[in-house]
N, C-alpha and C. Protein backbone atom coordinates (compact mmCIF):
# COMPACT_ATOMS: atom_id res chain seq x y z
N MET A 1 -11.37 13.08 -6.15
CA MET A 1 -10.26 12.17 -6.48
C MET A 1 -10.13 11.13 -5.38
N ALA A 2 -9.55 10.02 -5.70
CA ALA A 2 -9.42 8.89 -4.78
C ALA A 2 -8.49 9.19 -3.60
N THR A 3 -8.75 8.49 -2.50
CA THR A 3 -7.91 8.57 -1.31
C THR A 3 -7.03 7.33 -1.26
N ILE A 4 -5.72 7.54 -1.08
CA ILE A 4 -4.75 6.44 -1.07
C ILE A 4 -4.06 6.39 0.30
N LEU A 5 -3.99 5.20 0.87
CA LEU A 5 -3.26 4.99 2.11
C LEU A 5 -1.87 4.48 1.76
N VAL A 6 -0.84 5.23 2.14
CA VAL A 6 0.55 4.86 1.88
C VAL A 6 1.15 4.35 3.19
N VAL A 7 1.60 3.08 3.17
CA VAL A 7 2.11 2.45 4.39
C VAL A 7 3.56 2.03 4.18
N ASP A 8 4.46 2.63 4.98
CA ASP A 8 5.88 2.28 4.91
C ASP A 8 6.53 2.75 6.20
N ASP A 9 7.43 1.94 6.76
CA ASP A 9 8.10 2.36 7.99
C ASP A 9 9.18 3.40 7.73
N ALA A 10 9.60 3.56 6.48
CA ALA A 10 10.61 4.57 6.13
C ALA A 10 9.91 5.88 5.75
N ALA A 11 10.14 6.91 6.56
CA ALA A 11 9.48 8.20 6.34
C ALA A 11 9.75 8.75 4.94
N PHE A 12 10.98 8.59 4.45
CA PHE A 12 11.31 9.15 3.13
C PHE A 12 10.51 8.46 2.02
N MET A 13 10.23 7.16 2.18
CA MET A 13 9.42 6.46 1.17
C MET A 13 7.97 6.93 1.22
N ARG A 14 7.45 7.11 2.43
CA ARG A 14 6.08 7.64 2.55
C ARG A 14 5.99 9.02 1.92
N MET A 15 6.98 9.85 2.20
CA MET A 15 6.98 11.22 1.66
C MET A 15 7.10 11.20 0.14
N ARG A 16 7.95 10.37 -0.38
CA ARG A 16 8.16 10.29 -1.84
C ARG A 16 6.88 9.84 -2.55
N MET A 17 6.29 8.76 -2.04
CA MET A 17 5.04 8.26 -2.65
C MET A 17 3.93 9.29 -2.51
N SER A 18 3.84 9.89 -1.33
CA SER A 18 2.79 10.89 -1.08
C SER A 18 2.92 12.07 -2.02
N LYS A 19 4.16 12.51 -2.25
CA LYS A 19 4.39 13.64 -3.16
C LYS A 19 3.94 13.29 -4.58
N ILE A 20 4.31 12.11 -5.05
CA ILE A 20 3.91 11.65 -6.40
C ILE A 20 2.38 11.65 -6.52
N LEU A 21 1.73 11.09 -5.51
CA LEU A 21 0.27 10.94 -5.56
C LEU A 21 -0.46 12.27 -5.40
N THR A 22 0.03 13.10 -4.48
CA THR A 22 -0.60 14.41 -4.24
C THR A 22 -0.50 15.28 -5.49
N GLU A 23 0.67 15.25 -6.13
CA GLU A 23 0.86 16.05 -7.35
C GLU A 23 -0.04 15.57 -8.48
N ALA A 24 -0.46 14.30 -8.43
CA ALA A 24 -1.36 13.76 -9.44
C ALA A 24 -2.83 13.97 -9.05
N GLY A 25 -3.06 14.60 -7.90
CA GLY A 25 -4.42 14.94 -7.51
C GLY A 25 -5.08 13.99 -6.52
N TYR A 26 -4.33 13.01 -6.03
CA TYR A 26 -4.90 12.08 -5.05
C TYR A 26 -4.82 12.67 -3.65
N GLU A 27 -5.74 12.25 -2.80
CA GLU A 27 -5.65 12.57 -1.38
C GLU A 27 -4.86 11.43 -0.75
N VAL A 28 -3.92 11.76 0.14
CA VAL A 28 -3.04 10.73 0.71
C VAL A 28 -3.11 10.72 2.23
N ILE A 29 -3.19 9.52 2.77
CA ILE A 29 -3.09 9.28 4.21
C ILE A 29 -1.87 8.39 4.39
N GLN A 30 -1.14 8.60 5.48
CA GLN A 30 0.07 7.80 5.71
C GLN A 30 -0.03 6.98 6.99
N ALA A 31 0.64 5.82 6.98
CA ALA A 31 0.79 5.00 8.17
C ALA A 31 2.21 4.44 8.15
N GLU A 32 2.80 4.27 9.34
CA GLU A 32 4.20 3.81 9.37
C GLU A 32 4.38 2.34 9.70
N ASN A 33 3.27 1.62 9.93
CA ASN A 33 3.36 0.18 10.12
C ASN A 33 2.00 -0.44 9.86
N GLY A 34 1.94 -1.75 9.84
CA GLY A 34 0.72 -2.46 9.51
C GLY A 34 -0.41 -2.23 10.50
N LEU A 35 -0.05 -2.12 11.77
CA LEU A 35 -1.06 -1.90 12.81
C LEU A 35 -1.75 -0.55 12.60
N GLU A 36 -0.95 0.48 12.37
CA GLU A 36 -1.48 1.81 12.11
C GLU A 36 -2.28 1.81 10.79
N ALA A 37 -1.81 1.06 9.81
CA ALA A 37 -2.52 0.96 8.52
C ALA A 37 -3.91 0.38 8.72
N LEU A 38 -4.01 -0.67 9.52
CA LEU A 38 -5.30 -1.30 9.79
C LEU A 38 -6.25 -0.31 10.46
N GLU A 39 -5.75 0.42 11.46
CA GLU A 39 -6.57 1.42 12.16
C GLU A 39 -7.04 2.50 11.19
N LYS A 40 -6.12 3.02 10.38
CA LYS A 40 -6.48 4.10 9.45
C LYS A 40 -7.41 3.59 8.35
N TYR A 41 -7.20 2.35 7.92
CA TYR A 41 -8.08 1.80 6.89
C TYR A 41 -9.52 1.75 7.41
N GLN A 42 -9.68 1.27 8.63
CA GLN A 42 -11.02 1.16 9.21
C GLN A 42 -11.65 2.54 9.42
N ALA A 43 -10.84 3.53 9.79
CA ALA A 43 -11.36 4.86 10.06
C ALA A 43 -11.72 5.63 8.79
N VAL A 44 -10.90 5.48 7.74
CA VAL A 44 -11.03 6.33 6.55
C VAL A 44 -11.62 5.60 5.35
N LYS A 45 -11.45 4.28 5.28
CA LYS A 45 -11.88 3.50 4.10
C LYS A 45 -11.32 4.08 2.79
N PRO A 46 -9.98 4.10 2.65
CA PRO A 46 -9.39 4.64 1.43
C PRO A 46 -9.75 3.82 0.20
N ASP A 47 -9.59 4.42 -0.97
CA ASP A 47 -9.90 3.74 -2.23
C ASP A 47 -8.86 2.68 -2.57
N ALA A 48 -7.60 2.90 -2.12
CA ALA A 48 -6.52 1.96 -2.41
C ALA A 48 -5.43 2.10 -1.35
N VAL A 49 -4.60 1.06 -1.27
CA VAL A 49 -3.51 1.03 -0.29
C VAL A 49 -2.21 0.62 -1.00
N LEU A 50 -1.13 1.36 -0.73
CA LEU A 50 0.21 0.95 -1.15
C LEU A 50 0.91 0.50 0.13
N MET A 51 1.20 -0.79 0.24
CA MET A 51 1.65 -1.40 1.49
C MET A 51 3.06 -1.98 1.39
N ASP A 52 3.96 -1.44 2.21
CA ASP A 52 5.30 -2.01 2.33
C ASP A 52 5.16 -3.41 2.94
N ILE A 53 6.12 -4.27 2.70
CA ILE A 53 6.04 -5.62 3.24
C ILE A 53 6.76 -5.73 4.58
N THR A 54 7.99 -5.25 4.67
CA THR A 54 8.79 -5.41 5.88
C THR A 54 8.67 -4.18 6.76
N MET A 55 7.96 -4.34 7.89
CA MET A 55 7.75 -3.24 8.83
C MET A 55 7.68 -3.78 10.26
N PRO A 56 7.97 -2.91 11.25
CA PRO A 56 7.79 -3.33 12.65
C PRO A 56 6.30 -3.32 13.03
N GLU A 57 5.99 -3.76 14.24
CA GLU A 57 4.63 -3.81 14.78
C GLU A 57 3.78 -4.88 14.09
N MET A 58 3.52 -4.69 12.78
CA MET A 58 2.77 -5.66 11.99
C MET A 58 3.29 -5.54 10.56
N ASP A 59 3.75 -6.66 9.99
CA ASP A 59 4.30 -6.59 8.63
C ASP A 59 3.17 -6.42 7.61
N GLY A 60 3.55 -6.11 6.39
CA GLY A 60 2.58 -5.82 5.34
C GLY A 60 1.69 -6.98 4.97
N LEU A 61 2.24 -8.19 5.00
CA LEU A 61 1.45 -9.37 4.65
C LEU A 61 0.35 -9.61 5.68
N THR A 62 0.69 -9.49 6.95
CA THR A 62 -0.30 -9.64 8.02
C THR A 62 -1.34 -8.53 7.93
N ALA A 63 -0.88 -7.30 7.69
CA ALA A 63 -1.80 -6.17 7.56
C ALA A 63 -2.75 -6.37 6.38
N LEU A 64 -2.23 -6.89 5.26
CA LEU A 64 -3.06 -7.18 4.10
C LEU A 64 -4.19 -8.15 4.49
N LYS A 65 -3.82 -9.23 5.18
CA LYS A 65 -4.81 -10.23 5.59
C LYS A 65 -5.86 -9.61 6.51
N GLU A 66 -5.41 -8.78 7.46
CA GLU A 66 -6.33 -8.16 8.42
C GLU A 66 -7.26 -7.16 7.73
N ILE A 67 -6.72 -6.38 6.81
CA ILE A 67 -7.55 -5.41 6.07
C ILE A 67 -8.58 -6.15 5.23
N ARG A 68 -8.16 -7.26 4.61
CA ARG A 68 -9.10 -8.03 3.76
C ARG A 68 -10.18 -8.72 4.60
N LYS A 69 -9.89 -8.99 5.88
CA LYS A 69 -10.93 -9.52 6.78
C LYS A 69 -12.00 -8.45 7.01
N VAL A 70 -11.55 -7.21 7.21
CA VAL A 70 -12.45 -6.09 7.46
C VAL A 70 -13.20 -5.72 6.18
N ASP A 71 -12.48 -5.75 5.06
CA ASP A 71 -13.06 -5.37 3.76
C ASP A 71 -12.53 -6.31 2.68
N PRO A 72 -13.31 -7.35 2.34
CA PRO A 72 -12.86 -8.32 1.34
C PRO A 72 -12.59 -7.69 -0.04
N ASN A 73 -13.12 -6.49 -0.27
CA ASN A 73 -12.90 -5.81 -1.55
C ASN A 73 -11.77 -4.80 -1.51
N ALA A 74 -11.00 -4.79 -0.43
CA ALA A 74 -9.89 -3.83 -0.30
C ALA A 74 -8.94 -3.97 -1.49
N LYS A 75 -8.49 -2.83 -2.00
CA LYS A 75 -7.58 -2.81 -3.14
C LYS A 75 -6.19 -2.42 -2.63
N VAL A 76 -5.32 -3.42 -2.58
CA VAL A 76 -3.99 -3.25 -2.00
C VAL A 76 -2.92 -3.65 -2.99
N ALA A 77 -1.90 -2.79 -3.13
CA ALA A 77 -0.70 -3.13 -3.90
C ALA A 77 0.45 -3.20 -2.91
N MET A 78 1.25 -4.24 -3.01
CA MET A 78 2.39 -4.40 -2.12
C MET A 78 3.60 -3.66 -2.69
N VAL A 79 4.38 -3.07 -1.80
CA VAL A 79 5.61 -2.38 -2.19
C VAL A 79 6.75 -3.18 -1.58
N THR A 80 7.66 -3.64 -2.44
CA THR A 80 8.66 -4.60 -2.00
C THR A 80 10.07 -4.21 -2.42
N ALA A 81 11.03 -4.68 -1.66
CA ALA A 81 12.43 -4.56 -2.07
C ALA A 81 12.72 -5.73 -3.00
N LEU A 82 13.77 -5.62 -3.77
CA LEU A 82 14.16 -6.73 -4.64
C LEU A 82 14.43 -7.97 -3.80
N GLY A 83 14.16 -9.14 -4.35
CA GLY A 83 14.47 -10.38 -3.65
C GLY A 83 13.37 -10.87 -2.74
N GLN A 84 12.19 -10.27 -2.80
CA GLN A 84 11.08 -10.71 -1.95
C GLN A 84 9.97 -11.36 -2.77
N GLN A 85 10.34 -12.00 -3.87
CA GLN A 85 9.34 -12.57 -4.78
C GLN A 85 8.41 -13.56 -4.09
N GLN A 86 8.96 -14.40 -3.20
CA GLN A 86 8.13 -15.39 -2.52
C GLN A 86 7.04 -14.73 -1.70
N ILE A 87 7.40 -13.65 -1.01
CA ILE A 87 6.43 -12.92 -0.20
C ILE A 87 5.38 -12.27 -1.11
N VAL A 88 5.82 -11.75 -2.24
CA VAL A 88 4.90 -11.14 -3.20
C VAL A 88 3.87 -12.17 -3.67
N LEU A 89 4.35 -13.37 -3.99
CA LEU A 89 3.43 -14.44 -4.42
C LEU A 89 2.40 -14.74 -3.34
N GLU A 90 2.85 -14.79 -2.10
CA GLU A 90 1.92 -15.05 -1.00
C GLU A 90 0.94 -13.89 -0.85
N ALA A 91 1.43 -12.68 -1.03
CA ALA A 91 0.55 -11.50 -0.95
C ALA A 91 -0.53 -11.56 -2.01
N VAL A 92 -0.16 -11.95 -3.22
CA VAL A 92 -1.13 -12.05 -4.31
C VAL A 92 -2.18 -13.12 -3.97
N LYS A 93 -1.73 -14.25 -3.41
CA LYS A 93 -2.67 -15.29 -2.99
C LYS A 93 -3.65 -14.78 -1.94
N ASN A 94 -3.18 -13.81 -1.14
CA ASN A 94 -4.01 -13.26 -0.07
C ASN A 94 -4.77 -11.99 -0.48
N GLY A 95 -4.79 -11.72 -1.77
CA GLY A 95 -5.65 -10.65 -2.25
C GLY A 95 -4.98 -9.38 -2.74
N ALA A 96 -3.66 -9.31 -2.70
CA ALA A 96 -3.00 -8.11 -3.24
C ALA A 96 -3.27 -8.05 -4.74
N LYS A 97 -3.52 -6.85 -5.25
CA LYS A 97 -3.89 -6.68 -6.65
C LYS A 97 -2.70 -6.37 -7.55
N ASP A 98 -1.60 -5.92 -6.96
CA ASP A 98 -0.44 -5.49 -7.74
C ASP A 98 0.75 -5.41 -6.80
N PHE A 99 1.94 -5.19 -7.35
CA PHE A 99 3.09 -4.92 -6.50
C PHE A 99 4.05 -3.98 -7.22
N LEU A 100 4.78 -3.22 -6.41
CA LEU A 100 5.77 -2.28 -6.91
C LEU A 100 7.11 -2.65 -6.29
N VAL A 101 8.18 -2.48 -7.05
CA VAL A 101 9.52 -2.72 -6.52
C VAL A 101 10.15 -1.37 -6.18
N LYS A 102 10.67 -1.27 -4.94
CA LYS A 102 11.32 -0.02 -4.50
C LYS A 102 12.65 0.16 -5.19
N PRO A 103 13.06 1.36 -5.46
CA PRO A 103 12.25 2.59 -5.41
C PRO A 103 11.44 2.71 -6.70
N ALA A 104 10.15 2.73 -6.59
CA ALA A 104 9.29 2.77 -7.77
C ALA A 104 9.31 4.16 -8.41
N GLU A 105 9.36 4.17 -9.73
CA GLU A 105 9.31 5.43 -10.46
C GLU A 105 7.89 5.99 -10.39
N ALA A 106 7.78 7.29 -10.55
CA ALA A 106 6.49 7.97 -10.45
C ALA A 106 5.45 7.37 -11.39
N ASP A 107 5.83 7.10 -12.64
CA ASP A 107 4.85 6.58 -13.59
C ASP A 107 4.35 5.20 -13.19
N ARG A 108 5.21 4.39 -12.56
CA ARG A 108 4.80 3.05 -12.10
C ARG A 108 3.85 3.16 -10.89
N VAL A 109 4.15 4.09 -9.99
CA VAL A 109 3.28 4.31 -8.83
C VAL A 109 1.90 4.74 -9.30
N LEU A 110 1.86 5.69 -10.22
CA LEU A 110 0.58 6.20 -10.72
C LEU A 110 -0.18 5.13 -11.52
N ALA A 111 0.54 4.31 -12.27
CA ALA A 111 -0.11 3.23 -13.02
C ALA A 111 -0.75 2.21 -12.07
N ALA A 112 -0.03 1.88 -11.00
CA ALA A 112 -0.55 0.91 -10.02
C ALA A 112 -1.80 1.46 -9.34
N VAL A 113 -1.75 2.73 -8.93
CA VAL A 113 -2.88 3.33 -8.25
C VAL A 113 -4.08 3.45 -9.20
N SER A 114 -3.82 3.82 -10.44
CA SER A 114 -4.88 3.92 -11.43
C SER A 114 -5.55 2.57 -11.63
N LYS A 115 -4.74 1.51 -11.70
CA LYS A 115 -5.26 0.15 -11.86
C LYS A 115 -6.11 -0.25 -10.65
N LEU A 116 -5.66 0.11 -9.45
CA LEU A 116 -6.40 -0.24 -8.24
C LEU A 116 -7.73 0.50 -8.14
N CYS A 117 -7.73 1.75 -8.56
CA CYS A 117 -8.92 2.59 -8.38
C CYS A 117 -9.95 2.41 -9.48
N ASN A 118 -9.62 1.70 -10.55
CA ASN A 118 -10.57 1.53 -11.65
C ASN A 118 -11.13 0.12 -11.71
């Protein structure tokens, strides 16, 4: 089964997404900011990434750009709070394949990951 990197500075969001994905049979790796996400992406080469936008150290948009420099084929979906449409548009321009609005329901998370991995 595919390996998914879940990136969010909020531990409860990482745990919630990880639980949804693990129960569906995915292997999950977690990172709490964009810098850690970049390091883990390079080390593990996950099949897909669920990336929060607003984080300390390195925000999700910057991390998306850096990951795409390392791997132009990286499959990343942005996870956003309501009201961040402009950032989402910029993320899509920079290679994001999908986006989820927090708090995403389990079926939406699984649909996004399925879309990324296929």
